[in-house]
Protein backbone atom coordinates (compact mmCIF):
# COMPACT_ATOMS: atom_id res chain seq x y z
CA MET A 1 -104.51 2.95 -56.31
CA PHE A 2 -102.46 0.47 -58.35
CA PRO A 3 -99.35 0.12 -56.14
CA VAL A 4 -96.73 -0.91 -58.71
CA GLY A 5 -95.59 0.09 -62.12
CA GLY A 6 -92.79 1.17 -64.37
CA VAL A 7 -90.22 -0.50 -66.56
CA GLY A 8 -88.21 -1.69 -63.54
CA VAL A 9 -91.16 -3.70 -62.24
CA MET A 10 -91.75 -5.13 -65.71
CA LEU A 11 -88.12 -6.23 -65.98
CA LEU A 12 -88.21 -7.75 -62.49
CA LEU A 13 -91.31 -9.79 -63.38
CA VAL A 14 -89.66 -10.88 -66.64
CA ALA A 15 -86.58 -12.05 -64.73
CA VAL A 16 -88.51 -13.87 -61.99
CA SER A 17 -90.76 -15.61 -64.51
CA GLY A 18 -87.66 -16.50 -66.54
CA LEU A 19 -86.12 -18.22 -63.53
CA ALA A 20 -89.34 -20.12 -62.83
CA CYS A 21 -89.55 -21.23 -66.47
CA GLY A 22 -85.90 -22.25 -66.39
CA LEU A 23 -86.76 -24.57 -63.52
CA LEU A 24 -89.73 -25.86 -65.53
CA ALA A 25 -87.37 -26.71 -68.40
CA LEU A 26 -85.10 -28.62 -66.03
CA VAL A 27 -88.05 -30.62 -64.73
CA LEU A 28 -89.34 -31.41 -68.25
CA ARG A 29 -85.96 -32.22 -69.82
CA PRO A 30 -85.59 -35.85 -68.64
CA ARG A 31 -89.02 -36.78 -69.97
CA LEU A 32 -89.20 -34.70 -73.18
CA GLY A 33 -85.61 -33.94 -74.17
CA TRP A 34 -83.89 -30.59 -74.19
CA LEU A 35 -85.59 -29.12 -77.30
CA SER A 36 -89.18 -29.75 -76.24
CA ALA A 37 -88.47 -28.85 -72.60
CA LEU A 38 -86.93 -25.51 -73.59
CA SER A 39 -89.70 -24.86 -76.12
CA ILE A 40 -92.50 -25.48 -73.61
CA ALA A 41 -90.79 -23.48 -70.86
CA GLY A 42 -89.96 -20.72 -73.35
CA PHE A 43 -93.56 -20.57 -74.52
CA VAL A 44 -94.79 -20.23 -70.92
CA TRP A 45 -92.16 -17.55 -70.33
CA SER A 46 -93.17 -15.62 -73.45
CA ILE A 47 -96.78 -15.58 -72.23
CA ALA A 48 -95.61 -14.29 -68.83
CA VAL A 49 -93.47 -11.61 -70.51
CA ILE A 50 -96.43 -10.46 -72.60
CA ALA A 51 -98.57 -10.18 -69.46
CA SER A 52 -95.83 -8.27 -67.63
CA ILE A 53 -95.29 -5.68 -70.34
CA THR A 54 -98.96 -5.17 -71.19
CA LEU A 55 -100.66 -5.26 -67.79
CA ILE A 56 -98.18 -3.33 -65.64
CA PRO A 57 -98.42 0.47 -65.86
CA ALA A 58 -95.59 1.66 -68.11
CA ASN A 59 -94.82 4.93 -66.37
CA GLY A 60 -94.92 3.95 -62.71
CA ALA A 61 -97.92 3.59 -60.45
CA PRO A 62 -100.57 5.90 -61.96
CA GLY A 63 -102.45 6.48 -58.71
CA ILE A 64 -106.11 7.19 -59.23
CA VAL A 65 -107.55 7.31 -62.73
CA ALA A 66 -110.75 9.32 -62.65
CA ALA A 67 -113.87 7.59 -63.94
CA GLU A 68 -114.51 10.53 -66.25
CA GLY A 69 -111.11 10.03 -67.92
CA ARG A 70 -111.55 6.30 -68.38
CA LEU A 71 -112.43 4.91 -71.79
CA THR A 72 -115.69 2.99 -71.95
CA THR A 73 -114.98 1.15 -75.22
CA CYS A 74 -112.00 -0.09 -77.17
CA SER A 75 -110.62 2.12 -79.90
CA TRP A 76 -111.70 0.86 -83.31
CA ASP A 77 -109.43 3.30 -85.15
CA ILE A 78 -107.53 0.55 -86.97
CA GLY A 79 -104.04 1.70 -87.80
CA GLY A 80 -104.68 5.00 -86.05
CA PRO A 81 -102.15 6.99 -84.10
CA ALA A 82 -99.91 4.92 -81.86
CA PRO A 83 -97.35 6.23 -79.39
CA ASP A 84 -93.66 5.39 -79.57
CA GLY A 85 -92.48 2.10 -78.09
CA PHE A 86 -90.72 1.81 -74.75
CA TRP A 87 -87.19 3.13 -74.37
CA ILE A 88 -85.96 -0.49 -74.32
CA PHE A 89 -87.15 -1.07 -77.89
CA SER A 90 -86.90 1.58 -80.55
CA GLY A 91 -89.66 1.89 -83.10
CA GLY A 92 -93.35 2.44 -82.79
CA GLN A 93 -95.78 0.67 -80.54
CA ARG A 94 -97.33 -1.20 -83.48
CA LEU A 95 -94.00 -2.84 -84.27
CA LEU A 96 -93.48 -3.64 -80.60
CA ASN A 97 -96.97 -5.19 -80.36
CA MET A 98 -96.15 -7.43 -83.30
CA VAL A 99 -92.61 -8.37 -82.24
CA VAL A 100 -93.61 -9.30 -78.69
CA PHE A 101 -95.88 -12.11 -79.97
CA VAL A 102 -93.38 -13.58 -82.47
CA PRO A 103 -91.49 -15.70 -79.87
CA ALA A 104 -94.76 -17.15 -78.58
CA GLY A 105 -95.66 -18.29 -82.11
CA VAL A 106 -92.21 -19.78 -82.74
CA LEU A 107 -92.12 -21.60 -79.41
CA LEU A 108 -95.70 -22.82 -79.82
CA VAL A 109 -94.71 -24.69 -82.97
CA LEU A 110 -91.49 -26.06 -81.47
CA ALA A 111 -93.34 -27.16 -78.33
CA CYS A 112 -96.00 -29.02 -80.33
CA ALA A 113 -93.89 -30.36 -83.21
CA ARG A 114 -92.76 -33.51 -81.41
CA TRP A 115 -96.33 -34.84 -81.28
CA ARG A 116 -98.30 -36.19 -84.22
CA ALA A 117 -101.23 -33.97 -83.24
CA ALA A 118 -99.15 -30.82 -83.92
CA TRP A 119 -101.16 -30.10 -87.06
CA VAL A 120 -104.19 -29.64 -84.76
CA LEU A 121 -102.40 -28.22 -81.70
CA VAL A 122 -100.66 -25.38 -83.54
CA PRO A 123 -103.82 -23.83 -85.09
CA PHE A 124 -105.61 -24.15 -81.72
CA GLY A 125 -102.56 -22.59 -80.05
CA LEU A 126 -102.59 -19.71 -82.53
CA ALA A 127 -106.29 -19.18 -81.81
CA GLY A 128 -105.39 -19.28 -78.10
CA LEU A 129 -102.78 -16.56 -78.62
CA ALA A 130 -105.41 -14.46 -80.41
CA ALA A 131 -107.81 -15.00 -77.49
CA TYR A 132 -105.00 -14.10 -75.07
CA SER A 133 -104.47 -10.82 -76.93
CA ILE A 134 -108.20 -10.07 -76.80
CA GLY A 135 -108.19 -10.89 -73.07
CA ILE A 136 -105.31 -8.49 -72.47
CA GLU A 137 -107.12 -5.69 -74.28
CA ALA A 138 -110.34 -6.42 -72.36
CA THR A 139 -108.39 -6.31 -69.10
CA GLN A 140 -106.81 -3.01 -70.11
CA LEU A 141 -110.30 -1.64 -70.76
CA ALA A 142 -111.79 -2.99 -67.52
CA LEU A 143 -108.96 -1.94 -65.20
CA ALA A 144 -108.59 1.80 -65.59
CA ARG A 145 -106.10 1.79 -62.72
CA ILE A 146 -103.38 0.22 -64.86
CA ASP A 147 -103.59 3.31 -67.08
CA ARG A 148 -103.60 1.38 -70.36
CA ALA A 149 -105.86 1.73 -73.39
CA CYS A 150 -107.81 -0.95 -75.22
CA ASP A 151 -107.18 -0.86 -78.96
CA VAL A 152 -108.32 -3.27 -81.67
CA THR A 153 -105.18 -2.41 -83.67
CA ASP A 154 -103.14 -4.00 -80.86
CA VAL A 155 -105.03 -7.27 -81.32
CA ILE A 156 -104.40 -7.19 -85.07
CA ASP A 157 -100.70 -6.49 -84.53
CA ASN A 158 -100.40 -9.18 -81.85
CA VAL A 159 -102.07 -11.85 -83.98
CA THR A 160 -99.93 -10.84 -86.96
CA GLY A 161 -96.82 -11.31 -84.82
CA ALA A 162 -98.02 -14.68 -83.54
CA ALA A 163 -98.80 -15.86 -87.10
CA LEU A 164 -95.39 -14.68 -88.28
CA GLY A 165 -93.86 -16.57 -85.35
CA VAL A 166 -95.77 -19.73 -86.32
CA GLY A 167 -94.34 -19.45 -89.85
CA ILE A 168 -90.81 -19.06 -88.48
CA GLY A 169 -91.48 -21.93 -86.06
CA ILE A 170 -92.51 -24.24 -88.90
CA VAL A 171 -89.23 -23.53 -90.69
CA LEU A 172 -87.26 -24.08 -87.46
CA ALA A 173 -89.16 -27.30 -86.73
CA LEU A 174 -88.24 -28.63 -90.17
CA VAL A 175 -84.59 -27.82 -89.44
CA LEU A 176 -84.46 -28.99 -85.79
CA ARG A 177 -86.89 -31.92 -86.24
CA PRO A 178 -88.06 -32.25 -82.61
CA TRP A 179 -89.99 -35.42 -83.45
CA ARG A 180 -86.64 -37.25 -83.56
CA TYR A 181 -86.53 -36.93 -79.81
CA ARG A 182 -89.77 -38.79 -79.13
CA ARG A 183 -89.42 -41.05 -76.17
CA THR A 184 -90.03 -44.69 -77.04
CA THR A 185 -91.20 -47.02 -74.31
């Protein structure tokens, strides 16, 4: 039996990971400056939030999920029926899947923009976010006890959100110019 679940557990994990990432930002700030420190810590936090809301059972601990009721493959019904989002966010699950990856894309760009290699790091980071989404869906398929379903549409929506976030991050980086804060030694 999977012993935990529900929105309360998700929110607790989001808060605890937020505190840990706040401490990370404080540690990074003297070396990188406030913008890069907050961007890196925020990126790590967004990844933790995504894991919390996608890998914790949404409706409490599901107990035992019978092997007969478990899916053996991911759904390839692209754009097919999707349930409503959580009560915290109105709108459908597809919109929620996209929106949850936008901050990761934005913060990825802001975290990398201070380095000259950002033009390489950001595309690799976007590919990493796509791989992370695929890993989440594979985990949802493999662990029937978390009572989640693997869906290729989720990957498409997640990557769309991350790419949208990268676009927003590029605009923000041009405005905030994090490369101004490079440490010179």
